[in-house]
Amino acid sequence: MRETVHVALPGRAYDVKIGPGLLSESGAQIAPLLRRPRVAVISDETVAGLHLEALRAGLSTEQIEMTALSLPPGEGTKSWTHLQTCIDWLLDQQVERGDILVALGGGVIGDLAGFAASILRRGVRFVQIPTSLLAQVDSSVGGKTGINTRHGKNLVGAFHQPSLVLADTAVLGTLKPRDFLAGYGEVVKYGLLGDAAFFDWLEEQGPALAAGDKAARVEAVRRSVQMKADIVTRDETEQGERALLNLGHTFCHALEAATGYSNRLLHGEGVAIGCALAFTLSARMGLCPQEEPSRVRAHLQDMGMKVDLRDIAGDLPDADGLMTLMGQDKKVVDGHLRFILARGIGQAFVTGEVDKADVLAVLNEALAQR
């Protein structure tokens, strides 16, 4: 069970290796990229406790030395403070422009370490070793890196492609069920935005995938990564088609800001709720049949996921407050929000022509059900 997806960006092409056991092969996989046998690893304390020694052992098979920095887990780590910590530590380790930085962790570590790599010495190469389902199917591929600020999520960052991605699907077995299902929110997104047949497959295979079916997990990661790789190759810096990958994210980012980027709402949970809201908005605008948002919600509920605003614990702003938070989204163009809506499952598109009254109506209806 080993798959490779090639991201064919001219001059910056790289492979995404997918399958169990890649941590133990990390030395053989990374050695061809190295000018000298050493790497600097950035991880978080939770992931380091589970996987850092396995990575060290894998690297040692090729006599590659490893030095590591472990940061606190959680979305709050994607900050100016921790970015400075990373940069200072990398300079202390005398990481040179020809060296490799390894990001070992979920989306937070991948985004933060990737951004550090993009600005250290005006750019050093890095390898993504994503350890969460969300990172394996989404954030580790495509070169988006960055941090959050008090104004919103991912508003400071850079496009900086990795040199290699090692998605060891065996490590998914160490995830808590909530974290695995949060990542599944991004998997579902791929079917919803452009591959109705994949969504059909997920409706059939999703329960087995969540229960630990190894082959199903490899296939879900492969299909997700292949779709993202194809889109990124055509539109690396999100001038058009790549924006489709943000299906559900306009709602999601507002909800994450409203919950303080806390454990109340994980990113993938926000994506799932955001996808359901995007389909509800699409149906309200007459773009897709009413049955489509019902089908989306039914599958998410079958998987035991968060589906609606009522599934978020604690207080939320009113509809106007959520609209204000949406206004900080990166997808704002000339002051107007762009939404990713759908004409049906697998038929997403980008539009700036959405009546604010329709968005408010969808939000007010969702809030009224809390």
Protein backbone atom coordinates (compact mmCIF):
# COMPACT_ATOMS: atom_id res chain seq x y z
CA MET A 1 0.00 0.00 0.00
CA ARG A 2 2.27 2.75 -1.23
CA GLU A 3 1.15 5.58 -3.48
CA THR A 4 2.99 8.57 -4.94
CA VAL A 5 1.33 11.76 -6.17
CA HIS A 6 3.56 14.07 -8.19
CA VAL A 7 3.03 17.82 -7.87
CA ALA A 8 4.27 18.99 -11.26
CA LEU A 9 5.12 22.63 -10.62
CA PRO A 10 7.82 23.80 -13.08
CA GLY A 11 11.10 24.19 -11.20
CA ARG A 12 9.47 23.30 -7.87
CA ALA A 13 8.07 19.82 -8.53
CA TYR A 14 7.94 17.32 -5.68
CA ASP A 15 6.43 14.01 -4.67
CA VAL A 16 3.86 13.23 -2.02
CA LYS A 17 4.55 9.71 -0.74
CA ILE A 18 1.52 8.05 0.89
CA GLY A 19 1.32 4.82 2.88
CA PRO A 20 2.22 3.12 6.16
CA GLY A 21 5.82 2.88 7.34
CA LEU A 22 7.24 6.04 5.81
CA LEU A 23 8.62 7.32 9.12
CA SER A 24 10.93 4.33 9.32
CA GLU A 25 12.05 5.05 5.74
CA SER A 26 12.55 8.76 6.32
CA GLY A 27 16.33 8.53 6.04
CA ALA A 28 16.24 6.89 2.62
CA GLN A 29 13.55 9.30 1.43
CA ILE A 30 15.24 12.50 2.63
CA ALA A 31 18.93 11.62 2.06
CA PRO A 32 18.87 12.45 -1.69
CA LEU A 33 17.85 16.03 -0.83
CA LEU A 34 20.69 16.69 1.61
CA ARG A 35 23.99 18.44 1.05
CA ARG A 36 25.21 17.36 4.47
CA PRO A 37 23.82 14.59 6.75
CA ARG A 38 21.81 16.67 9.21
CA VAL A 39 18.28 18.07 9.49
CA ALA A 40 16.47 20.45 11.84
CA VAL A 41 13.02 19.28 12.93
CA ILE A 42 10.18 21.43 14.24
CA SER A 43 7.33 19.59 15.95
CA ASP A 44 4.87 20.03 18.80
CA GLU A 45 5.11 18.41 22.21
CA THR A 46 2.26 15.95 21.61
CA VAL A 47 3.52 14.74 18.23
CA ALA A 48 7.13 14.67 19.42
CA GLY A 49 6.18 12.40 22.29
CA LEU A 50 4.56 9.97 19.86
CA HIS A 51 6.75 10.07 16.76
CA LEU A 52 10.03 11.99 17.19
CA GLU A 53 12.10 8.95 18.15
CA ALA A 54 10.67 6.96 15.24
CA LEU A 55 11.78 9.77 12.94
CA ARG A 56 15.23 9.84 14.58
CA ALA A 57 15.56 6.09 14.06
CA GLY A 58 14.46 6.37 10.44
CA LEU A 59 16.98 9.11 9.75
CA SER A 60 19.78 7.23 11.53
CA THR A 61 19.60 4.42 8.96
CA GLU A 62 21.30 6.90 6.61
CA GLN A 63 23.52 8.40 9.33
CA ILE A 64 21.53 11.64 9.27
CA GLU A 65 21.83 13.71 12.44
CA MET A 66 18.70 15.36 13.79
CA THR A 67 18.16 18.32 16.08
CA ALA A 68 14.63 19.12 17.16
CA LEU A 69 12.46 21.89 18.61
CA SER A 70 9.10 21.02 20.20
CA LEU A 71 6.47 23.72 20.56
CA PRO A 72 3.16 23.75 22.46
CA PRO A 73 0.32 22.06 20.56
CA GLY A 74 -2.72 23.99 19.33
CA GLU A 75 -3.76 26.72 16.92
CA GLY A 76 -2.33 29.40 19.22
CA THR A 77 1.17 28.27 18.21
CA LYS A 78 0.68 29.80 14.73
CA SER A 79 1.75 33.18 16.08
CA TRP A 80 4.40 35.89 15.75
CA THR A 81 5.88 34.77 19.08
CA HIS A 82 6.41 31.16 18.04
CA LEU A 83 7.58 32.18 14.58
CA GLN A 84 10.34 34.20 16.23
CA THR A 85 11.14 31.25 18.48
CA CYS A 86 11.53 29.03 15.41
CA ILE A 87 13.72 31.51 13.53
CA ASP A 88 15.99 32.16 16.52
CA TRP A 89 16.33 28.42 17.17
CA LEU A 90 17.12 27.65 13.51
CA LEU A 91 19.81 30.35 13.51
CA ASP A 92 21.17 28.97 16.80
CA GLN A 93 21.41 25.58 15.08
CA GLN A 94 23.35 27.27 12.26
CA VAL A 95 20.91 26.02 9.65
CA GLU A 96 22.32 26.98 6.28
CA ARG A 97 20.54 27.87 3.08
CA GLY A 98 21.39 24.46 1.64
CA ASP A 99 19.99 22.54 4.61
CA ILE A 100 16.59 20.92 5.07
CA LEU A 101 14.02 21.82 7.71
CA VAL A 102 11.51 19.08 8.58
CA ALA A 103 7.98 19.89 9.75
CA LEU A 104 6.74 16.95 11.85
CA GLY A 105 3.17 17.50 12.93
CA GLY A 106 -0.28 18.61 11.92
CA GLY A 107 -1.39 21.65 10.00
CA VAL A 108 -0.27 24.14 12.65
CA ILE A 109 3.33 22.91 12.63
CA GLY A 110 3.38 22.54 8.85
CA ASP A 111 2.14 26.10 8.31
CA LEU A 112 4.44 27.61 10.94
CA ALA A 113 7.59 25.67 10.05
CA GLY A 114 6.96 26.19 6.35
CA PHE A 115 6.66 29.93 6.85
CA ALA A 116 9.85 29.93 8.93
CA ALA A 117 11.59 28.06 6.10
CA SER A 118 10.31 30.59 3.56
CA ILE A 119 11.87 33.57 5.35
CA LEU A 120 14.99 32.05 6.93
CA ARG A 121 18.00 33.21 4.92
CA ARG A 122 15.47 34.28 2.23
CA GLY A 123 14.30 30.71 1.82
CA VAL A 124 15.48 27.25 2.79
CA ARG A 125 14.03 23.94 1.65
CA PHE A 126 11.72 21.95 3.87
CA VAL A 127 10.06 18.55 4.05
CA GLN A 128 6.54 18.01 5.32
CA ILE A 129 5.86 14.93 7.47
CA PRO A 130 2.18 15.43 8.28
CA THR A 131 0.88 13.44 11.24
CA SER A 132 -2.83 14.35 11.15
CA LEU A 133 -5.41 13.39 8.54
CA LEU A 134 -6.13 17.06 7.90
CA ALA A 135 -2.47 17.80 7.23
CA GLN A 136 -1.99 14.70 5.06
CA VAL A 137 -4.89 15.51 2.74
CA ASP A 138 -4.68 19.28 2.69
CA SER A 139 -2.29 21.62 4.46
CA SER A 140 0.97 19.74 3.75
CA VAL A 141 0.43 19.94 -0.02
CA GLY A 142 0.42 23.09 -2.12
CA GLY A 143 2.90 25.41 -0.41
CA LYS A 144 0.61 27.63 1.63
CA THR A 145 2.40 28.62 4.83
CA GLY A 146 1.62 31.25 7.45
CA ILE A 147 0.53 32.36 10.88
CA ASN A 148 -2.56 33.87 12.46
CA THR A 149 -2.85 37.39 13.87
CA ARG A 150 -5.44 39.13 16.05
CA HIS A 151 -7.12 40.20 12.79
CA GLY A 152 -7.77 36.66 11.58
CA LYS A 153 -6.40 33.37 10.37
CA ASN A 154 -3.50 32.90 7.93
CA LEU A 155 -3.32 36.62 7.12
CA VAL A 156 0.50 36.61 7.19
CA GLY A 157 2.34 34.01 5.16
CA ALA A 158 3.97 32.98 1.92
CA PHE A 159 3.71 30.42 -0.85
CA HIS A 160 6.68 28.11 -0.27
CA GLN A 161 6.50 24.62 -1.74
CA PRO A 162 8.00 21.69 0.18
CA SER A 163 10.69 19.54 -1.43
CA LEU A 164 8.97 16.32 -0.34
CA VAL A 165 5.89 15.21 1.60
CA LEU A 166 5.88 11.94 3.54
CA ALA A 167 2.32 11.02 4.56
CA ASP A 168 2.73 7.97 6.80
CA THR A 169 -0.85 6.71 7.12
CA ALA A 170 0.12 4.40 10.01
CA VAL A 171 0.50 7.41 12.33
CA LEU A 172 -3.21 8.18 11.86
CA GLY A 173 -3.83 5.32 14.27
CA THR A 174 -2.50 7.48 17.11
CA LEU A 175 -5.09 10.23 16.54
CA LYS A 176 -7.99 10.72 18.90
CA PRO A 177 -11.33 10.06 17.17
CA ARG A 178 -12.25 13.75 17.30
CA ASP A 179 -9.02 14.77 15.60
CA PHE A 180 -9.40 12.09 12.92
CA LEU A 181 -12.96 13.18 12.14
CA ALA A 182 -11.90 16.82 12.03
CA GLY A 183 -9.47 15.86 9.28
CA TYR A 184 -12.24 13.98 7.55
CA GLY A 185 -13.99 17.34 7.12
CA GLU A 186 -11.28 18.24 4.59
CA VAL A 187 -11.59 14.85 2.86
CA VAL A 188 -15.33 15.34 2.34
CA LYS A 189 -14.61 18.81 0.97
CA TYR A 190 -12.77 17.34 -2.01
CA GLY A 191 -15.76 15.25 -3.03
CA LEU A 192 -18.12 18.17 -2.56
CA LEU A 193 -16.07 20.65 -4.59
CA GLY A 194 -15.18 18.63 -7.65
CA ASP A 195 -15.60 14.85 -7.52
CA ALA A 196 -19.12 13.52 -6.98
CA ALA A 197 -17.87 9.95 -7.49
CA PHE A 198 -15.44 10.42 -4.59
CA PHE A 199 -18.30 11.63 -2.39
CA ASP A 200 -20.27 8.51 -3.39
CA TRP A 201 -17.23 6.41 -2.39
CA LEU A 202 -16.97 8.21 0.95
CA GLU A 203 -20.63 7.56 1.71
CA GLU A 204 -19.86 3.85 1.31
CA GLN A 205 -16.34 3.68 2.76
CA GLY A 206 -16.37 6.49 5.35
CA PRO A 207 -17.35 4.31 8.33
CA ALA A 208 -14.66 1.72 7.50
CA LEU A 209 -12.12 4.48 6.99
CA ALA A 210 -12.93 5.96 10.41
CA ALA A 211 -12.79 2.50 12.00
CA GLY A 212 -9.20 2.03 10.82
CA ASP A 213 -9.36 0.32 7.42
CA LYS A 214 -5.76 0.80 6.22
CA ALA A 215 -6.44 0.48 2.49
CA ALA A 216 -9.40 2.88 2.67
CA ARG A 217 -7.25 5.44 4.49
CA VAL A 218 -4.49 5.26 1.87
CA GLU A 219 -7.05 5.62 -0.92
CA ALA A 220 -8.82 8.57 0.74
CA VAL A 221 -5.51 10.39 1.23
CA ARG A 222 -4.39 9.59 -2.34
CA ARG A 223 -7.58 10.84 -3.98
CA SER A 224 -7.62 14.00 -1.87
CA VAL A 225 -3.96 14.77 -2.54
CA GLN A 226 -4.30 14.04 -6.26
CA MET A 227 -7.17 16.49 -6.58
CA LYS A 228 -5.30 19.17 -4.67
CA ALA A 229 -2.09 18.56 -6.64
CA ASP A 230 -3.95 18.91 -9.95
CA ILE A 231 -5.55 22.18 -8.87
CA VAL A 232 -2.33 23.62 -7.39
CA THR A 233 -0.42 22.77 -10.56
CA ARG A 234 -2.91 24.78 -12.60
CA ASP A 235 -3.23 27.69 -10.13
CA GLU A 236 -0.39 27.78 -7.59
CA THR A 237 -1.03 31.23 -6.09
CA GLU A 238 -4.85 31.14 -6.04
CA GLN A 239 -5.63 33.49 -8.89
CA GLY A 240 -8.69 31.44 -9.83
CA GLU A 241 -9.42 27.73 -9.58
CA ARG A 242 -7.42 27.11 -6.39
CA ALA A 243 -9.98 29.18 -4.49
CA LEU A 244 -12.33 26.19 -4.85
CA LEU A 245 -10.24 24.48 -2.16
CA ASN A 246 -11.68 27.04 0.25
CA LEU A 247 -15.16 25.51 0.07
CA GLY A 248 -16.64 26.00 3.54
CA HIS A 249 -13.71 28.11 4.72
CA THR A 250 -15.35 31.55 4.64
CA PHE A 251 -17.85 30.37 7.25
CA CYS A 252 -15.19 28.25 8.97
CA HIS A 253 -12.70 31.05 9.52
CA ALA A 254 -15.38 33.31 10.98
CA LEU A 255 -16.45 30.55 13.37
CA GLU A 256 -12.83 29.86 14.36
CA ALA A 257 -12.33 33.55 15.14
CA ALA A 258 -15.60 33.62 17.08
CA THR A 259 -14.44 30.68 19.22
CA GLY A 260 -10.99 32.17 19.78
CA TYR A 261 -9.12 29.53 17.74
CA SER A 262 -9.69 27.25 20.70
CA ASN A 263 -10.53 23.62 21.30
CA ARG A 264 -14.21 24.55 21.09
CA LEU A 265 -13.93 24.19 17.31
CA LEU A 266 -11.18 22.37 15.45
CA HIS A 267 -10.38 23.58 11.93
CA GLY A 268 -11.73 20.50 10.17
CA GLU A 269 -14.92 20.70 12.24
CA GLY A 270 -15.35 24.27 11.07
CA VAL A 271 -14.78 23.18 7.47
CA ALA A 272 -17.52 20.54 7.76
CA ILE A 273 -19.99 23.03 9.24
CA GLY A 274 -18.91 25.59 6.65
CA CYS A 275 -19.50 23.14 3.78
CA ALA A 276 -23.00 22.41 5.10
CA LEU A 277 -23.71 26.15 5.34
CA ALA A 278 -22.31 26.78 1.85
CA PHE A 279 -24.67 24.16 0.41
CA THR A 280 -27.58 25.62 2.40
CA LEU A 281 -26.76 29.06 0.98
CA SER A 282 -26.48 27.59 -2.51
CA ALA A 283 -29.92 25.98 -2.19
CA ARG A 284 -31.42 29.18 -0.80
CA MET A 285 -30.13 31.06 -3.85
CA GLY A 286 -31.65 28.45 -6.15
CA LEU A 287 -28.27 27.19 -7.36
CA CYS A 288 -28.72 23.57 -6.31
CA PRO A 289 -31.61 21.32 -5.30
CA GLN A 290 -32.73 21.34 -1.66
CA GLU A 291 -31.81 17.64 -1.46
CA GLU A 292 -28.08 18.41 -1.80
CA PRO A 293 -27.51 20.15 1.57
CA SER A 294 -29.63 17.43 3.19
CA ARG A 295 -27.36 14.76 1.69
CA VAL A 296 -24.24 16.60 2.87
CA ARG A 297 -25.60 16.87 6.42
CA ALA A 298 -26.75 13.24 6.43
CA HIS A 299 -23.26 11.96 5.60
CA LEU A 300 -21.56 14.19 8.16
CA GLN A 301 -24.06 13.06 10.79
CA ASP A 302 -23.53 9.41 9.83
CA MET A 303 -19.82 9.96 10.50
CA GLY A 304 -20.55 11.47 13.92
CA MET A 305 -19.25 14.91 12.98
CA LYS A 306 -20.21 18.45 13.87
CA VAL A 307 -22.69 19.63 11.25
CA ASP A 308 -24.43 22.81 12.46
CA LEU A 309 -23.86 25.88 14.61
CA ARG A 310 -25.78 24.17 17.41
CA ASP A 311 -22.95 21.62 17.60
CA ILE A 312 -20.53 24.34 18.78
CA ALA A 313 -20.45 24.68 22.57
CA GLY A 314 -20.72 28.11 24.19
CA ASP A 315 -21.86 31.48 22.93
CA LEU A 316 -21.49 32.72 19.37
CA PRO A 317 -21.87 36.24 17.95
CA ASP A 318 -25.11 37.13 16.19
CA ALA A 319 -25.37 36.94 12.41
CA ASP A 320 -24.07 40.49 11.96
CA GLY A 321 -21.11 39.71 14.19
CA LEU A 322 -20.26 36.62 12.14
CA MET A 323 -20.55 38.68 8.94
CA THR A 324 -18.06 41.17 10.36
CA LEU A 325 -15.62 38.33 11.07
CA MET A 326 -16.06 37.08 7.50
CA GLY A 327 -14.98 40.51 6.30
CA GLN A 328 -11.42 39.76 7.48
CA ASP A 329 -11.21 36.72 5.22
CA LYS A 330 -8.39 36.61 2.65
CA LYS A 331 -10.99 35.99 -0.04
CA VAL A 332 -12.30 39.56 0.24
CA VAL A 333 -11.73 41.35 -3.09
CA ASP A 334 -12.34 45.11 -3.37
CA GLY A 335 -14.24 44.92 -0.11
CA HIS A 336 -16.59 42.19 -1.38
CA LEU A 337 -16.68 38.67 -0.01
CA ARG A 338 -16.16 35.80 -2.43
CA PHE A 339 -17.99 32.60 -1.65
CA ILE A 340 -17.45 29.09 -2.93
CA LEU A 341 -20.95 27.83 -3.70
CA ALA A 342 -22.22 24.75 -5.52
CA ARG A 343 -24.65 23.76 -8.25
CA GLY A 344 -24.60 20.28 -6.76
CA ILE A 345 -22.27 17.79 -5.12
CA GLY A 346 -18.99 17.90 -7.04
CA GLN A 347 -19.92 21.17 -8.78
CA ALA A 348 -18.44 24.05 -6.78
CA PHE A 349 -17.65 27.49 -8.20
CA VAL A 350 -16.36 30.85 -6.97
CA THR A 351 -18.58 33.91 -6.95
CA GLY A 352 -18.62 37.42 -5.54
CA GLU A 353 -22.28 37.91 -6.36
CA VAL A 354 -23.93 36.90 -3.13
CA ASP A 355 -26.60 39.04 -1.51
CA LYS A 356 -25.67 39.82 2.09
CA ALA A 357 -29.32 39.33 3.01
CA ASP A 358 -29.12 35.68 1.90
CA VAL A 359 -26.03 35.05 4.03
CA LEU A 360 -27.63 36.72 7.05
CA ALA A 361 -30.78 34.66 6.57
CA VAL A 362 -28.79 31.40 6.51
CA LEU A 363 -26.83 32.43 9.61
CA ASN A 364 -29.93 33.61 11.50
CA GLU A 365 -31.71 30.34 10.72
CA ALA A 366 -28.71 28.32 11.90
CA LEU A 367 -28.36 30.42 15.07
CA ALA A 368 -32.08 30.07 15.81
CA GLN A 369 -31.66 26.28 15.95
CA ARG A 370 -29.03 26.48 18.71
